[in-house]
Amino acid sequence: MNPKPTRKRIAVVLAAAAVVSAGTVGAARALSGDDDAREHPIPASERDRAEQAALEETGGGTVTGTEIDDEESKYEVEVTLDDGHQVDVQLDEDFQVVGTDGDDGSDGSDD
């Protein structure tokens, strides 16, 4: 017996396919270790202080990203310097610099 596809059966099959697809994508992202999937921007109420502290540390530049509660510190502010290099400035909960990391593997300083 070959049952005739009804709208209800088609809808059930499509819904099941969507659930499987969504679950597969979610599992793949979780297993990939994609850091961007876990990044959370600094809330606006704290962002100005974090950005100011980071720009003071780098001596200028443009803030191109922020993150709260990353694996290294309470706040992380990504600054792109005028020469194009990026520096990640790590801040503690009091907005004190606890570390920097340049995109060239340096500590972000000009030494």
PDB file of N, CA and C in Angstrom:
ATOM      1  N   MET A   1       0.839  -1.173   0.000  1.00  0.00           N
ATOM      2  CA  MET A   1       0.000   0.000   0.000  1.00  0.00           C
ATOM      3  C   MET A   1       0.889   1.243   0.000  1.00  0.00           C
ATOM      4  N   ASN A   2       0.620   2.148  -0.871  1.00  0.00           N
ATOM      5  CA  ASN A   2       1.393   3.374  -1.003  1.00  0.00           C
ATOM      6  C   ASN A   2       0.514   4.549  -0.580  1.00  0.00           C
ATOM      7  N   PRO A   3       0.689   5.057   0.681  1.00  0.00           N
ATOM      8  CA  PRO A   3      -0.194   6.119   1.157  1.00  0.00           C
ATOM      9  C   PRO A   3       0.024   7.414   0.359  1.00  0.00           C
ATOM     10  N   LYS A   4      -1.080   8.071   0.093  1.00  0.00           N
ATOM     11  CA  LYS A   4      -1.038   9.333  -0.643  1.00  0.00           C
ATOM     12  C   LYS A   4      -0.521  10.432   0.290  1.00  0.00           C
ATOM     13  N   PRO A   5       0.476  11.210  -0.187  1.00  0.00           N
ATOM     14  CA  PRO A   5       0.982  12.279   0.688  1.00  0.00           C
ATOM     15  C   PRO A   5      -0.081  13.358   0.889  1.00  0.00           C
ATOM     16  N   THR A   6      -0.349  13.610   2.135  1.00  0.00           N
ATOM     17  CA  THR A   6      -1.305  14.661   2.459  1.00  0.00           C
ATOM     18  C   THR A   6      -0.543  15.876   2.957  1.00  0.00           C
ATOM     19  N   ARG A   7      -1.224  16.987   3.038  1.00  0.00           N
ATOM     20  CA  ARG A   7      -0.578  18.203   3.540  1.00  0.00           C
ATOM     21  C   ARG A   7      -0.021  17.984   4.952  1.00  0.00           C
ATOM     22  N   LYS A   8      -0.777  17.261   5.742  1.00  0.00           N
ATOM     23  CA  LYS A   8      -0.343  17.016   7.121  1.00  0.00           C
ATOM     24  C   LYS A   8       0.945  16.192   7.138  1.00  0.00           C
ATOM     25  N   ARG A   9       1.015  15.134   6.324  1.00  0.00           N
ATOM     26  CA  ARG A   9       2.225  14.302   6.273  1.00  0.00           C
ATOM     27  C   ARG A   9       3.414  15.098   5.753  1.00  0.00           C
ATOM     28  N   ILE A  10       3.173  15.895   4.742  1.00  0.00           N
ATOM     29  CA  ILE A  10       4.258  16.726   4.188  1.00  0.00           C
ATOM     30  C   ILE A  10       4.762  17.703   5.248  1.00  0.00           C
ATOM     31  N   ALA A  11       3.835  18.328   5.972  1.00  0.00           N
ATOM     32  CA  ALA A  11       4.219  19.270   7.018  1.00  0.00           C
ATOM     33  C   ALA A  11       5.026  18.581   8.116  1.00  0.00           C
ATOM     34  N   VAL A  12       4.637  17.378   8.498  1.00  0.00           N
ATOM     35  CA  VAL A  12       5.351  16.629   9.539  1.00  0.00           C
ATOM     36  C   VAL A  12       6.766  16.287   9.063  1.00  0.00           C
ATOM     37  N   VAL A  13       6.886  15.837   7.816  1.00  0.00           N
ATOM     38  CA  VAL A  13       8.201  15.483   7.275  1.00  0.00           C
ATOM     39  C   VAL A  13       9.101  16.720   7.204  1.00  0.00           C
ATOM     40  N   LEU A  14       8.559  17.835   6.736  1.00  0.00           N
ATOM     41  CA  LEU A  14       9.352  19.063   6.649  1.00  0.00           C
ATOM     42  C   LEU A  14       9.768  19.562   8.036  1.00  0.00           C
ATOM     43  N   ALA A  15       8.864  19.487   9.000  1.00  0.00           N
ATOM     44  CA  ALA A  15       9.194  19.912  10.361  1.00  0.00           C
ATOM     45  C   ALA A  15      10.288  19.031  10.956  1.00  0.00           C
ATOM     46  N   ALA A  16      10.190  17.733  10.731  1.00  0.00           N
ATOM     47  CA  ALA A  16      11.213  16.822  11.239  1.00  0.00           C
ATOM     48  C   ALA A  16      12.563  17.096  10.588  1.00  0.00           C
ATOM     49  N   ALA A  17      12.558  17.364   9.298  1.00  0.00           N
ATOM     50  CA  ALA A  17      13.801  17.677   8.588  1.00  0.00           C
ATOM     51  C   ALA A  17      14.417  18.966   9.130  1.00  0.00           C
ATOM     52  N   ALA A  18      13.575  19.946   9.438  1.00  0.00           N
ATOM     53  CA  ALA A  18      14.078  21.217   9.982  1.00  0.00           C
ATOM     54  C   ALA A  18      14.712  21.007  11.350  1.00  0.00           C
ATOM     55  N   VAL A  19      14.088  20.193  12.186  1.00  0.00           N
ATOM     56  CA  VAL A  19      14.630  19.920  13.521  1.00  0.00           C
ATOM     57  C   VAL A  19      15.973  19.212  13.415  1.00  0.00           C
ATOM     58  N   VAL A  20      16.065  18.220  12.562  1.00  0.00           N
ATOM     59  CA  VAL A  20      17.317  17.486  12.382  1.00  0.00           C
ATOM     60  C   VAL A  20      18.400  18.420  11.857  1.00  0.00           C
ATOM     61  N   SER A  21      18.036  19.244  10.897  1.00  0.00           N
ATOM     62  CA  SER A  21      18.995  20.177  10.302  1.00  0.00           C
ATOM     63  C   SER A  21      19.507  21.169  11.342  1.00  0.00           C
ATOM     64  N   ALA A  22      18.608  21.758  12.105  1.00  0.00           N
ATOM     65  CA  ALA A  22      18.996  22.731  13.126  1.00  0.00           C
ATOM     66  C   ALA A  22      19.879  22.080  14.186  1.00  0.00           C
ATOM     67  N   GLY A  23      19.535  20.884  14.579  1.00  0.00           N
ATOM     68  CA  GLY A  23      20.340  20.172  15.574  1.00  0.00           C
ATOM     69  C   GLY A  23      21.732  19.860  15.067  1.00  0.00           C
ATOM     70  N   THR A  24      21.835  19.494  13.808  1.00  0.00           N
ATOM     71  CA  THR A  24      23.136  19.182  13.209  1.00  0.00           C
ATOM     72  C   THR A  24      24.017  20.419  13.145  1.00  0.00           C
ATOM     73  N   VAL A  25      23.443  21.535  12.716  1.00  0.00           N
ATOM     74  CA  VAL A  25      24.210  22.781  12.634  1.00  0.00           C
ATOM     75  C   VAL A  25      24.650  23.222  14.021  1.00  0.00           C
ATOM     76  N   GLY A  26      23.749  23.156  14.990  1.00  0.00           N
ATOM     77  CA  GLY A  26      24.099  23.553  16.358  1.00  0.00           C
ATOM     78  C   GLY A  26      25.194  22.680  16.942  1.00  0.00           C
ATOM     79  N   ALA A  27      25.098  21.387  16.719  1.00  0.00           N
ATOM     80  CA  ALA A  27      26.118  20.470  17.234  1.00  0.00           C
ATOM     81  C   ALA A  27      27.457  20.709  16.560  1.00  0.00           C
ATOM     82  N   ALA A  28      27.439  20.951  15.265  1.00  0.00           N
ATOM     83  CA  ALA A  28      28.688  21.210  14.536  1.00  0.00           C
ATOM     84  C   ALA A  28      29.351  22.475  15.055  1.00  0.00           C
ATOM     85  N   ARG A  29      28.573  23.517  15.300  1.00  0.00           N
ATOM     86  CA  ARG A  29      29.136  24.769  15.817  1.00  0.00           C
ATOM     87  C   ARG A  29      29.716  24.561  17.218  1.00  0.00           C
ATOM     88  N   ALA A  30      29.006  23.832  18.049  1.00  0.00           N
ATOM     89  CA  ALA A  30      29.482  23.589  19.416  1.00  0.00           C
ATOM     90  C   ALA A  30      30.766  22.775  19.412  1.00  0.00           C
ATOM     91  N   LEU A  31      30.852  21.791  18.535  1.00  0.00           N
ATOM     92  CA  LEU A  31      32.033  20.939  18.480  1.00  0.00           C
ATOM     93  C   LEU A  31      33.217  21.608  17.794  1.00  0.00           C
ATOM     94  N   SER A  32      32.955  22.614  16.990  1.00  0.00           N
ATOM     95  CA  SER A  32      34.036  23.261  16.248  1.00  0.00           C
ATOM     96  C   SER A  32      34.906  24.134  17.138  1.00  0.00           C
ATOM     97  N   GLY A  33      34.401  24.464  18.329  1.00  0.00           N
ATOM     98  CA  GLY A  33      35.177  25.325  19.216  1.00  0.00           C
ATOM     99  C   GLY A  33      35.212  26.760  18.722  1.00  0.00           C
ATOM    100  N   ASP A  34      34.237  27.159  17.946  1.00  0.00           N
ATOM    101  CA  ASP A  34      34.161  28.496  17.383  1.00  0.00           C
ATOM    102  C   ASP A  34      34.005  29.512  18.510  1.00  0.00           C
ATOM    103  N   ASP A  35      35.066  30.303  18.769  1.00  0.00           N
ATOM    104  CA  ASP A  35      35.026  31.292  19.843  1.00  0.00           C
ATOM    105  C   ASP A  35      33.973  32.357  19.608  1.00  0.00           C
ATOM    106  N   ASP A  36      33.744  32.733  18.349  1.00  0.00           N
ATOM    107  CA  ASP A  36      32.783  33.777  18.057  1.00  0.00           C
ATOM    108  C   ASP A  36      31.388  33.407  18.531  1.00  0.00           C
ATOM    109  N   ALA A  37      31.085  32.119  18.583  1.00  0.00           N
ATOM    110  CA  ALA A  37      29.763  31.688  19.010  1.00  0.00           C
ATOM    111  C   ALA A  37      29.558  31.939  20.498  1.00  0.00           C
ATOM    112  N   ARG A  38      30.643  32.094  21.260  1.00  0.00           N
ATOM    113  CA  ARG A  38      30.532  32.282  22.703  1.00  0.00           C
ATOM    114  C   ARG A  38      30.858  33.701  23.149  1.00  0.00           C
ATOM    115  N   GLU A  39      31.252  34.584  22.236  1.00  0.00           N
ATOM    116  CA  GLU A  39      31.618  35.941  22.607  1.00  0.00           C
ATOM    117  C   GLU A  39      30.386  36.760  22.950  1.00  0.00           C
ATOM    118  N   HIS A  40      30.536  37.604  23.976  1.00  0.00           N
ATOM    119  CA  HIS A  40      29.458  38.491  24.395  1.00  0.00           C
ATOM    120  C   HIS A  40      30.030  39.898  24.501  1.00  0.00           C
ATOM    121  N   PRO A  41      29.424  40.862  23.801  1.00  0.00           N
ATOM    122  CA  PRO A  41      29.938  42.228  23.868  1.00  0.00           C
ATOM    123  C   PRO A  41      29.761  42.820  25.262  1.00  0.00           C
ATOM    124  N   ILE A  42      30.602  43.801  25.572  1.00  0.00           N
ATOM    125  CA  ILE A  42      30.505  44.484  26.857  1.00  0.00           C
ATOM    126  C   ILE A  42      29.225  45.308  26.860  1.00  0.00           C
ATOM    127  N   PRO A  43      28.432  45.237  27.937  1.00  0.00           N
ATOM    128  CA  PRO A  43      27.208  46.050  28.015  1.00  0.00           C
ATOM    129  C   PRO A  43      27.534  47.538  27.923  1.00  0.00           C
ATOM    130  N   ALA A  44      26.623  48.307  27.365  1.00  0.00           N
ATOM    131  CA  ALA A  44      26.833  49.743  27.142  1.00  0.00           C
ATOM    132  C   ALA A  44      27.204  50.471  28.433  1.00  0.00           C
ATOM    133  N   SER A  45      26.649  50.055  29.560  1.00  0.00           N
ATOM    134  CA  SER A  45      26.915  50.729  30.828  1.00  0.00           C
ATOM    135  C   SER A  45      28.374  50.621  31.253  1.00  0.00           C
ATOM    136  N   GLU A  46      29.106  49.658  30.725  1.00  0.00           N
ATOM    137  CA  GLU A  46      30.508  49.443  31.090  1.00  0.00           C
ATOM    138  C   GLU A  46      31.461  49.683  29.923  1.00  0.00           C
ATOM    139  N   ARG A  47      30.922  49.722  28.713  1.00  0.00           N
ATOM    140  CA  ARG A  47      31.754  49.783  27.512  1.00  0.00           C
ATOM    141  C   ARG A  47      32.605  51.044  27.430  1.00  0.00           C
ATOM    142  N   ASP A  48      32.048  52.207  27.761  1.00  0.00           N
ATOM    143  CA  ASP A  48      32.811  53.457  27.664  1.00  0.00           C
ATOM    144  C   ASP A  48      34.070  53.423  28.532  1.00  0.00           C
ATOM    145  N   ARG A  49      33.935  52.938  29.756  1.00  0.00           N
ATOM    146  CA  ARG A  49      35.098  52.871  30.653  1.00  0.00           C
ATOM    147  C   ARG A  49      36.137  51.886  30.129  1.00  0.00           C
ATOM    148  N   ALA A  50      35.678  50.758  29.615  1.00  0.00           N
ATOM    149  CA  ALA A  50      36.594  49.752  29.084  1.00  0.00           C
ATOM    150  C   ALA A  50      37.318  50.281  27.849  1.00  0.00           C
ATOM    151  N   GLU A  51      36.587  50.929  26.954  1.00  0.00           N
ATOM    152  CA  GLU A  51      37.200  51.481  25.749  1.00  0.00           C
ATOM    153  C   GLU A  51      38.215  52.563  26.095  1.00  0.00           C
ATOM    154  N   GLN A  52      37.880  53.438  27.029  1.00  0.00           N
ATOM    155  CA  GLN A  52      38.788  54.506  27.436  1.00  0.00           C
ATOM    156  C   GLN A  52      40.077  53.926  28.020  1.00  0.00           C
ATOM    157  N   ALA A  53      39.955  52.938  28.874  1.00  0.00           N
ATOM    158  CA  ALA A  53      41.139  52.316  29.476  1.00  0.00           C
ATOM    159  C   ALA A  53      42.005  51.653  28.409  1.00  0.00           C
ATOM    160  N   ALA A  54      41.370  50.992  27.449  1.00  0.00           N
ATOM    161  CA  ALA A  54      42.124  50.318  26.387  1.00  0.00           C
ATOM    162  C   ALA A  54      42.837  51.317  25.492  1.00  0.00           C
ATOM    163  N   LEU A  55      42.157  52.402  25.132  1.00  0.00           N
ATOM    164  CA  LEU A  55      42.778  53.416  24.273  1.00  0.00           C
ATOM    165  C   LEU A  55      43.920  54.139  24.981  1.00  0.00           C
ATOM    166  N   GLU A  56      43.800  54.325  26.280  1.00  0.00           N
ATOM    167  CA  GLU A  56      44.912  54.897  27.050  1.00  0.00           C
ATOM    168  C   GLU A  56      46.115  53.954  27.014  1.00  0.00           C
ATOM    169  N   GLU A  57      45.860  52.664  27.123  1.00  0.00           N
ATOM    170  CA  GLU A  57      46.931  51.667  27.111  1.00  0.00           C
ATOM    171  C   GLU A  57      47.637  51.626  25.756  1.00  0.00           C
ATOM    172  N   THR A  58      46.881  51.725  24.665  1.00  0.00           N
ATOM    173  CA  THR A  58      47.474  51.617  23.334  1.00  0.00           C
ATOM    174  C   THR A  58      47.965  52.949  22.791  1.00  0.00           C
ATOM    175  N   GLY A  59      47.613  54.049  23.454  1.00  0.00           N
ATOM    176  CA  GLY A  59      48.019  55.357  22.973  1.00  0.00           C
ATOM    177  C   GLY A  59      47.198  55.826  21.784  1.00  0.00           C
ATOM    178  N   GLY A  60      46.002  55.303  21.637  1.00  0.00           N
ATOM    179  CA  GLY A  60      45.118  55.705  20.548  1.00  0.00           C
ATOM    180  C   GLY A  60      44.708  54.519  19.714  1.00  0.00           C
ATOM    181  N   GLY A  61      44.062  54.822  18.594  1.00  0.00           N
ATOM    182  CA  GLY A  61      43.551  53.793  17.710  1.00  0.00           C
ATOM    183  C   GLY A  61      42.040  53.818  17.684  1.00  0.00           C
ATOM    184  N   THR A  62      41.465  52.763  17.135  1.00  0.00           N
ATOM    185  CA  THR A  62      40.013  52.650  17.009  1.00  0.00           C
ATOM    186  C   THR A  62      39.558  51.341  17.629  1.00  0.00           C
ATOM    187  N   VAL A  63      38.570  51.415  18.503  1.00  0.00           N
ATOM    188  CA  VAL A  63      38.010  50.199  19.103  1.00  0.00           C
ATOM    189  C   VAL A  63      37.208  49.477  18.030  1.00  0.00           C
ATOM    190  N   THR A  64      37.568  48.214  17.797  1.00  0.00           N
ATOM    191  CA  THR A  64      36.897  47.432  16.761  1.00  0.00           C
ATOM    192  C   THR A  64      36.145  46.227  17.318  1.00  0.00           C
ATOM    193  N   GLY A  65      36.209  46.025  18.630  1.00  0.00           N
ATOM    194  CA  GLY A  65      35.464  44.924  19.220  1.00  0.00           C
ATOM    195  C   GLY A  65      35.606  44.915  20.724  1.00  0.00           C
ATOM    196  N   THR A  66      34.611  44.365  21.392  1.00  0.00           N
ATOM    197  CA  THR A  66      34.664  44.223  22.848  1.00  0.00           C
ATOM    198  C   THR A  66      34.081  42.871  23.219  1.00  0.00           C
ATOM    199  N   GLU A  67      34.499  42.403  24.376  1.00  0.00           N
ATOM    200  CA  GLU A  67      33.999  41.115  24.868  1.00  0.00           C
ATOM    201  C   GLU A  67      34.045  41.131  26.387  1.00  0.00           C
ATOM    202  N   ILE A  68      33.061  40.497  27.009  1.00  0.00           N
ATOM    203  CA  ILE A  68      33.033  40.394  28.465  1.00  0.00           C
ATOM    204  C   ILE A  68      33.181  38.929  28.862  1.00  0.00           C
ATOM    205  N   ASP A  69      33.880  38.710  29.968  1.00  0.00           N
ATOM    206  CA  ASP A  69      34.058  37.375  30.544  1.00  0.00           C
ATOM    207  C   ASP A  69      34.677  36.391  29.560  1.00  0.00           C
ATOM    208  N   ASP A  70      35.748  36.815  28.886  1.00  0.00           N
ATOM    209  CA  ASP A  70      36.434  35.856  28.031  1.00  0.00           C
ATOM    210  C   ASP A  70      37.345  34.996  28.903  1.00  0.00           C
ATOM    211  N   GLU A  71      38.100  34.104  28.298  1.00  0.00           N
ATOM    212  CA  GLU A  71      38.900  33.158  29.080  1.00  0.00           C
ATOM    213  C   GLU A  71      40.106  33.800  29.753  1.00  0.00           C
ATOM    214  N   GLU A  72      40.461  35.021  29.355  1.00  0.00           N
ATOM    215  CA  GLU A  72      41.665  35.652  29.886  1.00  0.00           C
ATOM    216  C   GLU A  72      41.399  36.758  30.904  1.00  0.00           C
ATOM    217  N   SER A  73      40.233  37.399  30.849  1.00  0.00           N
ATOM    218  CA  SER A  73      39.985  38.545  31.722  1.00  0.00           C
ATOM    219  C   SER A  73      38.496  38.856  31.780  1.00  0.00           C
ATOM    220  N   LYS A  74      38.160  39.838  32.617  1.00  0.00           N
ATOM    221  CA  LYS A  74      36.763  40.274  32.719  1.00  0.00           C
ATOM    222  C   LYS A  74      36.322  40.963  31.428  1.00  0.00           C
ATOM    223  N   TYR A  75      37.180  41.874  30.919  1.00  0.00           N
ATOM    224  CA  TYR A  75      36.857  42.600  29.698  1.00  0.00           C
ATOM    225  C   TYR A  75      38.006  42.462  28.708  1.00  0.00           C
ATOM    226  N   GLU A  76      37.660  42.394  27.427  1.00  0.00           N
ATOM    227  CA  GLU A  76      38.663  42.435  26.379  1.00  0.00           C
ATOM    228  C   GLU A  76      38.207  43.474  25.363  1.00  0.00           C
ATOM    229  N   VAL A  77      39.123  44.392  25.024  1.00  0.00           N
ATOM    230  CA  VAL A  77      38.829  45.418  24.039  1.00  0.00           C
ATOM    231  C   VAL A  77      39.831  45.277  22.909  1.00  0.00           C
ATOM    232  N   GLU A  78      39.326  45.102  21.691  1.00  0.00           N
ATOM    233  CA  GLU A  78      40.193  45.002  20.513  1.00  0.00           C
ATOM    234  C   GLU A  78      40.347  46.400  19.922  1.00  0.00           C
ATOM    235  N   VAL A  79      41.604  46.822  19.773  1.00  0.00           N
ATOM    236  CA  VAL A  79      41.906  48.145  19.234  1.00  0.00           C
ATOM    237  C   VAL A  79      42.729  47.974  17.966  1.00  0.00           C
ATOM    238  N   THR A  80      42.314  48.656  16.895  1.00  0.00           N
ATOM    239  CA  THR A  80      43.099  48.694  15.672  1.00  0.00           C
ATOM    240  C   THR A  80      43.894  49.991  15.682  1.00  0.00           C
ATOM    241  N   LEU A  81      45.206  49.847  15.653  1.00  0.00           N
ATOM    242  CA  LEU A  81      46.087  51.005  15.690  1.00  0.00           C
ATOM    243  C   LEU A  81      46.133  51.683  14.329  1.00  0.00           C
ATOM    244  N   ASP A  82      46.675  52.901  14.293  1.00  0.00           N
ATOM    245  CA  ASP A  82      46.753  53.661  13.046  1.00  0.00           C
ATOM    246  C   ASP A  82      47.569  52.948  11.976  1.00  0.00           C
ATOM    247  N   ASP A  83      48.522  52.101  12.390  1.00  0.00           N
ATOM    248  CA  ASP A  83      49.343  51.374  11.414  1.00  0.00           C
ATOM    249  C   ASP A  83      48.680  50.078  10.941  1.00  0.00           C
ATOM    250  N   GLY A  84      47.450  49.811  11.409  1.00  0.00           N
ATOM    251  CA  GLY A  84      46.709  48.633  10.978  1.00  0.00           C
ATOM    252  C   GLY A  84      46.824  47.435  11.898  1.00  0.00           C
ATOM    253  N   HIS A  85      47.781  47.436  12.815  1.00  0.00           N
ATOM    254  CA  HIS A  85      47.920  46.318  13.754  1.00  0.00           C
ATOM    255  C   HIS A  85      46.767  46.330  14.758  1.00  0.00           C
ATOM    256  N   GLN A  86      46.427  45.139  15.222  1.00  0.00           N
ATOM    257  CA  GLN A  86      45.385  45.010  16.234  1.00  0.00           C
ATOM    258  C   GLN A  86      46.006  44.607  17.565  1.00  0.00           C
ATOM    259  N   VAL A  87      45.464  45.171  18.629  1.00  0.00           N
ATOM    260  CA  VAL A  87      45.908  44.846  19.976  1.00  0.00           C
ATOM    261  C   VAL A  87      44.670  44.513  20.798  1.00  0.00           C
ATOM    262  N   ASP A  88      44.706  43.371  21.468  1.00  0.00           N
ATOM    263  CA  ASP A  88      43.654  43.014  22.415  1.00  0.00           C
ATOM    264  C   ASP A  88      44.117  43.439  23.798  1.00  0.00           C
ATOM    265  N   VAL A  89      43.344  44.302  24.432  1.00  0.00           N
ATOM    266  CA  VAL A  89      43.679  44.791  25.771  1.00  0.00           C
ATOM    267  C   VAL A  89      42.772  44.077  26.763  1.00  0.00           C
ATOM    268  N   GLN A  90      43.392  43.395  27.723  1.00  0.00           N
ATOM    269  CA  GLN A  90      42.673  42.655  28.750  1.00  0.00           C
ATOM    270  C   GLN A  90      42.541  43.543  29.990  1.00  0.00           C
ATOM    271  N   LEU A  91      41.316  43.635  30.520  1.00  0.00           N
ATOM    272  CA  LEU A  91      41.033  44.471  31.683  1.00  0.00           C
ATOM    273  C   LEU A  91      40.374  43.642  32.784  1.00  0.00           C
ATOM    274  N   ASP A  92      40.666  44.004  34.033  1.00  0.00           N
ATOM    275  CA  ASP A  92      39.979  43.332  35.134  1.00  0.00           C
ATOM    276  C   ASP A  92      38.658  44.040  35.424  1.00  0.00           C
ATOM    277  N   GLU A  93      37.960  43.613  36.471  1.00  0.00           N
ATOM    278  CA  GLU A  93      36.644  44.167  36.786  1.00  0.00           C
ATOM    279  C   GLU A  93      36.693  45.632  37.204  1.00  0.00           C
ATOM    280  N   ASP A  94      37.886  46.142  37.536  1.00  0.00           N
ATOM    281  CA  ASP A  94      38.054  47.554  37.889  1.00  0.00           C
ATOM    282  C   ASP A  94      38.593  48.367  36.719  1.00  0.00           C
ATOM    283  N   PHE A  95      38.585  47.780  35.518  1.00  0.00           N
ATOM    284  CA  PHE A  95      39.048  48.413  34.286  1.00  0.00           C
ATOM    285  C   PHE A  95      40.549  48.720  34.316  1.00  0.00           C
ATOM    286  N   GLN A  96      41.285  47.907  35.063  1.00  0.00           N
ATOM    287  CA  GLN A  96      42.738  48.010  35.098  1.00  0.00           C
ATOM    288  C   GLN A  96      43.318  47.025  34.087  1.00  0.00           C
ATOM    289  N   VAL A  97      44.325  47.453  33.345  1.00  0.00           N
ATOM    290  CA  VAL A  97      44.936  46.594  32.333  1.00  0.00           C
ATOM    291  C   VAL A  97      45.667  45.435  33.012  1.00  0.00           C
ATOM    292  N   VAL A  98      45.370  44.219  32.566  1.00  0.00           N
ATOM    293  CA  VAL A  98      46.045  43.037  33.093  1.00  0.00           C
ATOM    294  C   VAL A  98      46.855  42.332  32.014  1.00  0.00           C
ATOM    295  N   GLY A  99      46.768  42.841  30.773  1.00  0.00           N
ATOM    296  CA  GLY A  99      47.562  42.257  29.705  1.00  0.00           C
ATOM    297  C   GLY A  99      47.158  42.813  28.351  1.00  0.00           C
ATOM    298  N   THR A 100      48.083  42.664  27.394  1.00  0.00           N
ATOM    299  CA  THR A 100      47.797  43.026  26.008  1.00  0.00           C
ATOM    300  C   THR A 100      48.373  41.949  25.100  1.00  0.00           C
ATOM    301  N   ASP A 101      47.808  41.848  23.915  1.00  0.00           N
ATOM    302  CA  ASP A 101      48.273  40.864  22.954  1.00  0.00           C
ATOM    303  C   ASP A 101      48.111  41.451  21.560  1.00  0.00           C
ATOM    304  N   GLY A 102      49.251  41.605  20.850  1.00  0.00           N
ATOM    305  CA  GLY A 102      49.216  42.131  19.496  1.00  0.00           C
ATOM    306  C   GLY A 102      48.946  41.067  18.473  1.00  0.00           C
ATOM    307  N   ASP A 103      48.438  41.452  17.281  1.00  0.00           N
ATOM    308  CA  ASP A 103      48.124  40.473  16.241  1.00  0.00           C
ATOM    309  C   ASP A 103      49.370  39.863  15.622  1.00  0.00           C
ATOM    310  N   ASP A 104      50.519  40.432  15.921  1.00  0.00           N
ATOM    311  CA  ASP A 104      51.775  39.867  15.407  1.00  0.00           C
ATOM    312  C   ASP A 104      52.430  38.934  16.425  1.00  0.00           C
ATOM    313  N   GLY A 105      51.663  38.608  17.494  1.00  0.00           N
ATOM    314  CA  GLY A 105      52.183  37.717  18.526  1.00  0.00           C
ATOM    315  C   GLY A 105      52.916  38.446  19.638  1.00  0.00           C
ATOM    316  N   SER A 106      53.048  39.764  19.503  1.00  0.00           N
ATOM    317  CA  SER A 106      53.746  40.535  20.532  1.00  0.00           C
ATOM    318  C   SER A 106      52.802  40.844  21.672  1.00  0.00           C
ATOM    319  N   ASP A 107      53.344  41.531  22.668  1.00  0.00           N
ATOM    320  CA  ASP A 107      52.508  41.926  23.792  1.00  0.00           C
ATOM    321  C   ASP A 107      51.813  43.263  23.529  1.00  0.00           C
ATOM    322  N   GLY A 108      51.928  43.781  22.309  1.00  0.00           N
ATOM    323  CA  GLY A 108      51.249  45.007  21.944  1.00  0.00           C
ATOM    324  C   GLY A 108      52.028  46.254  22.230  1.00  0.00           C
ATOM    325  N   SER A 109      53.206  46.144  22.850  1.00  0.00           N
ATOM    326  CA  SER A 109      53.993  47.318  23.166  1.00  0.00           C
ATOM    327  C   SER A 109      54.929  47.656  22.012  1.00  0.00           C
ATOM    328  N   ASP A 110      55.495  48.860  22.042  1.00  0.00           N
ATOM    329  CA  ASP A 110      56.399  49.312  20.994  1.00  0.00           C
ATOM    330  C   ASP A 110      57.865  49.037  21.312  1.00  0.00           C
ATOM    331  N   ASP A 111      58.140  48.252  22.324  1.00  0.00           N
ATOM    332  CA  ASP A 111      59.528  47.993  22.756  1.00  0.00           C
ATOM    333  C   ASP A 111      60.342  47.343  21.675  1.00  0.00           C
TER     334      ASP A 111
END
